[in-house]
């Protein structure tokens, strides 16, 4: 596909991040696909993208290897694979991905809070 931010890819693969499924571009690092999932909250300035800062630590398992122990790696250094299950995120990643991992519920309207029935004449 033609986006210069991501490595060339032909298809999207399915990964799970904290039990929520996403379709992301193959052949890209986890940190890069986190940017694909949430482009406004995974900035360049917060992460070093080269393993120096250690802020992008994740723990994952692969779909076919459930009996083995989970692996802890840096998201900037590991490529995503179809069926990858990310079970833990560093505090920094969790904070930055919170909007897509655990979106907040919509706020009730003022009328709902006040107990006003919009169908009744006021």
N, C-alpha and C. Protein backbone atom coordinates (compact mmCIF):
# COMPACT_ATOMS: atom_id res chain seq x y z
N UNK A 1 0.86 -1.16 0.00
CA UNK A 1 0.00 0.00 0.00
C UNK A 1 0.91 1.23 0.00
N UNK A 2 0.42 2.40 -0.24
CA UNK A 2 1.28 3.54 -0.52
C UNK A 2 1.60 4.49 0.61
N UNK A 3 1.44 4.14 1.86
CA UNK A 3 1.72 5.05 2.96
C UNK A 3 3.20 4.95 3.34
N UNK A 4 3.96 6.06 3.26
CA UNK A 4 5.40 5.99 3.57
C UNK A 4 5.70 5.73 5.05
N UNK A 5 4.73 5.88 5.92
CA UNK A 5 4.94 5.64 7.34
C UNK A 5 5.14 4.16 7.64
N UNK A 6 4.53 3.29 6.84
CA UNK A 6 4.58 1.85 7.10
C UNK A 6 5.42 1.15 6.05
N UNK A 7 6.02 0.02 6.46
CA UNK A 7 6.72 -0.82 5.49
C UNK A 7 5.69 -1.32 4.48
N UNK A 8 6.17 -1.66 3.29
CA UNK A 8 5.28 -2.19 2.27
C UNK A 8 4.56 -3.43 2.79
N UNK A 9 3.26 -3.50 2.57
CA UNK A 9 2.50 -4.67 3.00
C UNK A 9 1.42 -4.96 1.96
N UNK A 10 1.04 -6.21 1.90
CA UNK A 10 0.03 -6.63 0.95
C UNK A 10 -1.31 -6.89 1.60
N UNK A 11 -1.29 -7.16 2.90
CA UNK A 11 -2.55 -7.49 3.57
C UNK A 11 -2.50 -7.04 5.02
N UNK A 12 -3.67 -7.06 5.62
CA UNK A 12 -3.79 -6.79 7.04
C UNK A 12 -3.85 -8.13 7.78
N UNK A 13 -3.22 -8.19 8.94
CA UNK A 13 -3.27 -9.39 9.77
C UNK A 13 -4.02 -9.06 11.05
N UNK A 14 -4.56 -10.08 11.68
CA UNK A 14 -5.32 -9.87 12.92
C UNK A 14 -4.41 -10.09 14.12
N UNK A 15 -4.41 -9.10 15.01
CA UNK A 15 -3.72 -9.23 16.29
C UNK A 15 -4.73 -8.89 17.39
N UNK A 16 -4.42 -9.30 18.59
CA UNK A 16 -5.26 -8.99 19.74
C UNK A 16 -4.41 -8.20 20.73
N UNK A 17 -4.94 -7.06 21.15
CA UNK A 17 -4.25 -6.23 22.14
C UNK A 17 -5.17 -6.13 23.36
N UNK A 18 -4.73 -6.69 24.46
CA UNK A 18 -5.53 -6.71 25.69
C UNK A 18 -6.96 -7.17 25.40
N UNK A 19 -7.06 -8.29 24.70
CA UNK A 19 -8.32 -8.96 24.38
C UNK A 19 -9.21 -8.23 23.38
N UNK A 20 -8.69 -7.20 22.71
CA UNK A 20 -9.45 -6.51 21.67
C UNK A 20 -8.74 -6.74 20.34
N UNK A 21 -9.51 -7.16 19.33
CA UNK A 21 -8.92 -7.55 18.05
C UNK A 21 -8.80 -6.35 17.11
N UNK A 22 -7.67 -6.32 16.37
CA UNK A 22 -7.40 -5.26 15.40
C UNK A 22 -6.86 -5.89 14.12
N UNK A 23 -7.11 -5.25 12.99
CA UNK A 23 -6.49 -5.62 11.73
C UNK A 23 -5.42 -4.59 11.44
N UNK A 24 -4.18 -5.05 11.27
CA UNK A 24 -3.03 -4.16 11.12
C UNK A 24 -2.17 -4.61 9.94
N UNK A 25 -1.34 -3.71 9.40
CA UNK A 25 -0.50 -4.09 8.26
C UNK A 25 0.61 -5.07 8.65
N UNK A 26 0.74 -6.12 7.85
CA UNK A 26 1.79 -7.10 8.08
C UNK A 26 3.16 -6.46 7.86
N UNK A 27 4.23 -7.14 8.27
CA UNK A 27 5.61 -6.74 8.04
C UNK A 27 5.98 -5.42 8.71
N UNK A 28 5.28 -5.03 9.76
CA UNK A 28 5.58 -3.80 10.48
C UNK A 28 5.82 -4.10 11.95
N UNK A 29 6.56 -3.25 12.62
CA UNK A 29 6.81 -3.45 14.05
C UNK A 29 5.53 -3.21 14.84
N UNK A 30 5.48 -3.76 16.02
CA UNK A 30 4.31 -3.55 16.89
C UNK A 30 4.09 -2.07 17.15
N UNK A 31 5.16 -1.35 17.43
CA UNK A 31 5.01 0.08 17.71
C UNK A 31 4.44 0.81 16.50
N UNK A 32 4.87 0.43 15.32
CA UNK A 32 4.34 1.06 14.10
C UNK A 32 2.85 0.73 13.92
N UNK A 33 2.45 -0.50 14.20
CA UNK A 33 1.02 -0.81 14.05
C UNK A 33 0.19 -0.19 15.16
N UNK A 34 0.79 0.05 16.33
CA UNK A 34 0.06 0.82 17.34
C UNK A 34 -0.21 2.22 16.79
N UNK A 35 0.72 2.75 16.01
CA UNK A 35 0.52 4.05 15.38
C UNK A 35 -0.57 3.94 14.30
N UNK A 36 -0.66 2.80 13.65
CA UNK A 36 -1.72 2.56 12.67
C UNK A 36 -3.08 2.54 13.36
N UNK A 37 -3.14 1.88 14.52
CA UNK A 37 -4.39 1.76 15.29
C UNK A 37 -4.81 3.12 15.85
N UNK A 38 -3.86 3.88 16.35
CA UNK A 38 -4.16 5.15 17.01
C UNK A 38 -3.12 6.20 16.62
N UNK A 39 -3.22 6.75 15.41
CA UNK A 39 -2.18 7.64 14.89
C UNK A 39 -1.99 8.93 15.70
N UNK A 40 -3.00 9.40 16.37
CA UNK A 40 -2.88 10.66 17.10
C UNK A 40 -2.26 10.51 18.48
N UNK A 41 -2.14 9.28 19.00
CA UNK A 41 -1.66 9.12 20.37
C UNK A 41 -0.32 8.39 20.48
N UNK A 42 0.23 7.90 19.38
CA UNK A 42 1.55 7.27 19.41
C UNK A 42 2.51 8.20 18.66
N UNK A 43 3.05 9.19 19.38
CA UNK A 43 3.90 10.19 18.74
C UNK A 43 5.36 9.76 18.63
N UNK A 44 6.07 10.42 17.75
CA UNK A 44 7.50 10.16 17.63
C UNK A 44 8.26 10.67 18.84
N UNK A 45 7.88 11.80 19.40
CA UNK A 45 8.61 12.40 20.50
C UNK A 45 8.59 11.60 21.78
N UNK A 46 7.56 10.85 22.03
CA UNK A 46 7.43 10.11 23.28
C UNK A 46 8.26 8.82 23.25
N UNK A 47 8.38 8.20 22.10
CA UNK A 47 9.11 6.94 21.96
C UNK A 47 10.36 7.15 21.11
N UNK A 48 11.41 6.42 21.43
CA UNK A 48 12.67 6.60 20.70
C UNK A 48 12.69 5.83 19.38
N UNK A 49 11.92 4.77 19.27
CA UNK A 49 11.80 3.94 18.07
C UNK A 49 13.07 3.12 17.80
N UNK A 50 14.03 3.06 18.73
CA UNK A 50 15.26 2.31 18.49
C UNK A 50 15.76 1.56 19.72
N UNK A 51 14.90 1.26 20.67
CA UNK A 51 15.18 0.45 21.85
C UNK A 51 15.96 1.15 22.96
N UNK A 52 16.21 2.44 22.85
CA UNK A 52 16.93 3.13 23.91
C UNK A 52 16.04 3.48 25.10
N UNK A 53 14.82 3.90 24.84
CA UNK A 53 13.99 4.43 25.94
C UNK A 53 13.31 3.33 26.76
N UNK A 54 13.09 2.17 26.18
CA UNK A 54 12.45 1.04 26.87
C UNK A 54 11.00 1.31 27.26
N UNK A 55 10.35 2.32 26.68
CA UNK A 55 8.97 2.66 27.03
C UNK A 55 7.92 1.83 26.29
N UNK A 56 8.35 1.04 25.32
CA UNK A 56 7.37 0.32 24.49
C UNK A 56 7.36 -1.19 24.77
N UNK A 57 7.64 -1.57 25.97
CA UNK A 57 7.69 -2.99 26.33
C UNK A 57 6.30 -3.62 26.27
N UNK A 58 6.20 -4.78 25.63
CA UNK A 58 4.95 -5.54 25.55
C UNK A 58 5.23 -7.01 25.87
N UNK A 59 4.20 -7.71 26.26
CA UNK A 59 4.28 -9.16 26.47
C UNK A 59 3.27 -9.78 25.52
N UNK A 60 3.69 -10.83 24.81
CA UNK A 60 2.80 -11.44 23.83
C UNK A 60 2.96 -12.95 23.77
N UNK A 61 1.95 -13.58 23.16
CA UNK A 61 1.97 -15.01 22.83
C UNK A 61 1.50 -15.12 21.39
N UNK A 62 1.90 -16.18 20.74
CA UNK A 62 1.42 -16.44 19.38
C UNK A 62 0.27 -17.44 19.45
N UNK A 63 -0.65 -17.33 18.53
CA UNK A 63 -1.87 -18.15 18.53
C UNK A 63 -1.56 -19.65 18.60
N UNK A 64 -0.58 -20.13 17.88
CA UNK A 64 -0.28 -21.56 17.86
C UNK A 64 0.61 -22.05 18.99
N UNK A 65 1.08 -21.15 19.85
CA UNK A 65 2.03 -21.51 20.90
C UNK A 65 1.50 -21.14 22.28
N UNK A 66 0.29 -21.54 22.59
CA UNK A 66 -0.33 -21.17 23.86
C UNK A 66 0.30 -21.86 25.06
N UNK A 67 0.97 -23.00 24.83
CA UNK A 67 1.55 -23.74 25.95
C UNK A 67 2.88 -23.14 26.42
N UNK A 68 3.53 -22.35 25.61
CA UNK A 68 4.81 -21.75 26.00
C UNK A 68 4.61 -20.50 26.84
N UNK A 69 5.68 -20.05 27.47
CA UNK A 69 5.56 -18.84 28.29
C UNK A 69 5.42 -17.60 27.40
N UNK A 70 4.76 -16.56 27.89
CA UNK A 70 4.68 -15.32 27.12
C UNK A 70 6.06 -14.69 26.99
N UNK A 71 6.28 -13.96 25.91
CA UNK A 71 7.57 -13.31 25.67
C UNK A 71 7.42 -11.81 25.91
N UNK A 72 8.39 -11.23 26.58
CA UNK A 72 8.41 -9.79 26.78
C UNK A 72 9.47 -9.21 25.85
N UNK A 73 9.06 -8.24 25.04
CA UNK A 73 9.93 -7.64 24.02
C UNK A 73 9.64 -6.15 23.94
N UNK A 74 10.46 -5.46 23.15
CA UNK A 74 10.20 -4.06 22.86
C UNK A 74 9.38 -3.99 21.58
N UNK A 75 8.30 -3.23 21.62
CA UNK A 75 7.40 -3.15 20.47
C UNK A 75 8.06 -2.53 19.24
N UNK A 76 9.11 -1.74 19.45
CA UNK A 76 9.80 -1.14 18.32
C UNK A 76 10.70 -2.13 17.60
N UNK A 77 10.93 -3.30 18.19
CA UNK A 77 11.87 -4.28 17.62
C UNK A 77 11.25 -5.58 17.15
N UNK A 78 9.97 -5.82 17.42
CA UNK A 78 9.35 -7.08 17.02
C UNK A 78 8.28 -6.82 15.96
N UNK A 79 8.26 -7.66 14.94
CA UNK A 79 7.26 -7.53 13.88
C UNK A 79 5.98 -8.25 14.28
N UNK A 80 4.85 -7.67 13.87
CA UNK A 80 3.57 -8.32 14.16
C UNK A 80 3.43 -9.56 13.28
N UNK A 81 2.61 -10.48 13.76
CA UNK A 81 2.31 -11.69 12.99
C UNK A 81 0.84 -12.01 13.20
N UNK A 82 0.26 -12.65 12.22
CA UNK A 82 -1.15 -13.02 12.30
C UNK A 82 -1.37 -13.90 13.54
N UNK A 83 -2.34 -13.53 14.35
CA UNK A 83 -2.66 -14.30 15.54
C UNK A 83 -1.90 -13.88 16.79
N UNK A 84 -1.06 -12.87 16.69
CA UNK A 84 -0.31 -12.39 17.86
C UNK A 84 -1.29 -11.89 18.91
N UNK A 85 -1.04 -12.27 20.16
CA UNK A 85 -1.90 -11.85 21.27
C UNK A 85 -1.05 -11.07 22.26
N UNK A 86 -1.23 -9.76 22.28
CA UNK A 86 -0.47 -8.91 23.20
C UNK A 86 -1.26 -8.84 24.50
N UNK A 87 -0.65 -9.37 25.55
CA UNK A 87 -1.35 -9.52 26.82
C UNK A 87 -1.00 -8.45 27.85
N UNK A 88 0.14 -7.80 27.67
CA UNK A 88 0.54 -6.73 28.59
C UNK A 88 1.19 -5.61 27.80
N UNK A 89 0.93 -4.38 28.24
CA UNK A 89 1.54 -3.19 27.65
C UNK A 89 2.26 -2.41 28.73
N UNK A 90 3.33 -1.73 28.36
CA UNK A 90 3.98 -0.83 29.31
C UNK A 90 2.97 0.25 29.71
N UNK A 91 3.22 0.89 30.83
CA UNK A 91 2.31 1.96 31.28
C UNK A 91 2.19 3.04 30.22
N UNK A 92 3.29 3.36 29.57
CA UNK A 92 3.29 4.41 28.54
C UNK A 92 2.40 4.03 27.36
N UNK A 93 2.52 2.81 26.88
CA UNK A 93 1.68 2.36 25.77
C UNK A 93 0.22 2.25 26.20
N UNK A 94 -0.02 1.74 27.38
CA UNK A 94 -1.40 1.61 27.87
C UNK A 94 -2.06 2.99 27.91
N UNK A 95 -1.36 3.97 28.42
CA UNK A 95 -1.89 5.32 28.49
C UNK A 95 -2.19 5.87 27.10
N UNK A 96 -1.26 5.68 26.17
CA UNK A 96 -1.43 6.22 24.82
C UNK A 96 -2.48 5.48 23.99
N UNK A 97 -2.73 4.22 24.31
CA UNK A 97 -3.71 3.44 23.55
C UNK A 97 -5.06 3.32 24.25
N UNK A 98 -5.22 3.95 25.39
CA UNK A 98 -6.44 3.79 26.18
C UNK A 98 -7.70 4.13 25.37
N UNK A 99 -7.63 5.11 24.51
CA UNK A 99 -8.80 5.50 23.72
C UNK A 99 -9.30 4.42 22.78
N UNK A 100 -8.41 3.57 22.29
CA UNK A 100 -8.85 2.50 21.39
C UNK A 100 -8.99 1.17 22.10
N UNK A 101 -8.26 0.97 23.19
CA UNK A 101 -8.36 -0.28 23.94
C UNK A 101 -9.60 -0.27 24.82
N UNK A 102 -9.80 0.80 25.55
CA UNK A 102 -10.95 0.93 26.47
C UNK A 102 -11.63 2.27 26.23
N UNK A 103 -12.36 2.41 25.13
CA UNK A 103 -12.98 3.71 24.87
C UNK A 103 -13.97 4.06 25.98
N UNK A 104 -14.01 5.33 26.31
CA UNK A 104 -14.93 5.76 27.36
C UNK A 104 -16.36 5.67 26.85
N UNK A 105 -17.27 5.44 27.76
CA UNK A 105 -18.68 5.37 27.36
C UNK A 105 -19.18 6.78 27.10
N UNK A 106 -20.15 6.92 26.21
CA UNK A 106 -20.66 8.26 25.91
C UNK A 106 -21.31 8.88 27.14
N UNK A 107 -21.14 10.16 27.26
CA UNK A 107 -21.74 10.88 28.38
C UNK A 107 -23.23 11.04 28.13
N UNK A 108 -24.04 10.91 29.17
CA UNK A 108 -25.48 11.12 28.99
C UNK A 108 -25.74 12.59 28.68
N UNK A 109 -26.81 12.85 27.97
CA UNK A 109 -27.15 14.24 27.66
C UNK A 109 -27.67 14.92 28.91
N UNK A 110 -27.73 16.22 28.87
CA UNK A 110 -28.22 16.99 30.01
C UNK A 110 -29.66 16.58 30.34
N UNK A 111 -30.47 16.33 29.32
CA UNK A 111 -31.86 15.94 29.55
C UNK A 111 -31.95 14.62 30.29
N UNK A 112 -31.05 13.66 29.95
CA UNK A 112 -31.04 12.38 30.64
C UNK A 112 -30.68 12.55 32.11
N UNK A 113 -29.68 13.40 32.38
CA UNK A 113 -29.24 13.62 33.75
C UNK A 113 -30.31 14.30 34.59
N UNK A 114 -31.07 15.21 33.98
CA UNK A 114 -32.05 15.99 34.71
C UNK A 114 -33.38 15.23 34.83
N UNK A 115 -33.49 14.08 34.19
CA UNK A 115 -34.73 13.31 34.24
C UNK A 115 -35.84 13.92 33.41
N UNK A 116 -35.49 14.72 32.39
CA UNK A 116 -36.47 15.34 31.53
C UNK A 116 -36.78 14.42 30.38
N UNK A 117 -38.05 14.18 30.16
CA UNK A 117 -38.48 13.33 29.04
C UNK A 117 -38.62 14.24 27.82
N UNK A 118 -37.79 14.03 26.77
CA UNK A 118 -37.84 14.90 25.61
C UNK A 118 -39.14 14.79 24.82
N UNK A 119 -39.92 13.74 25.07
CA UNK A 119 -41.19 13.57 24.34
C UNK A 119 -42.34 14.33 24.98
N UNK A 120 -42.18 14.77 26.20
CA UNK A 120 -43.24 15.51 26.89
C UNK A 120 -43.09 16.99 26.66
N UNK A 121 -44.20 17.72 26.48
CA UNK A 121 -44.09 19.18 26.33
C UNK A 121 -43.57 19.81 27.63
N UNK A 122 -42.78 20.79 27.51
CA UNK A 122 -42.20 21.46 28.67
C UNK A 122 -42.94 22.73 29.02
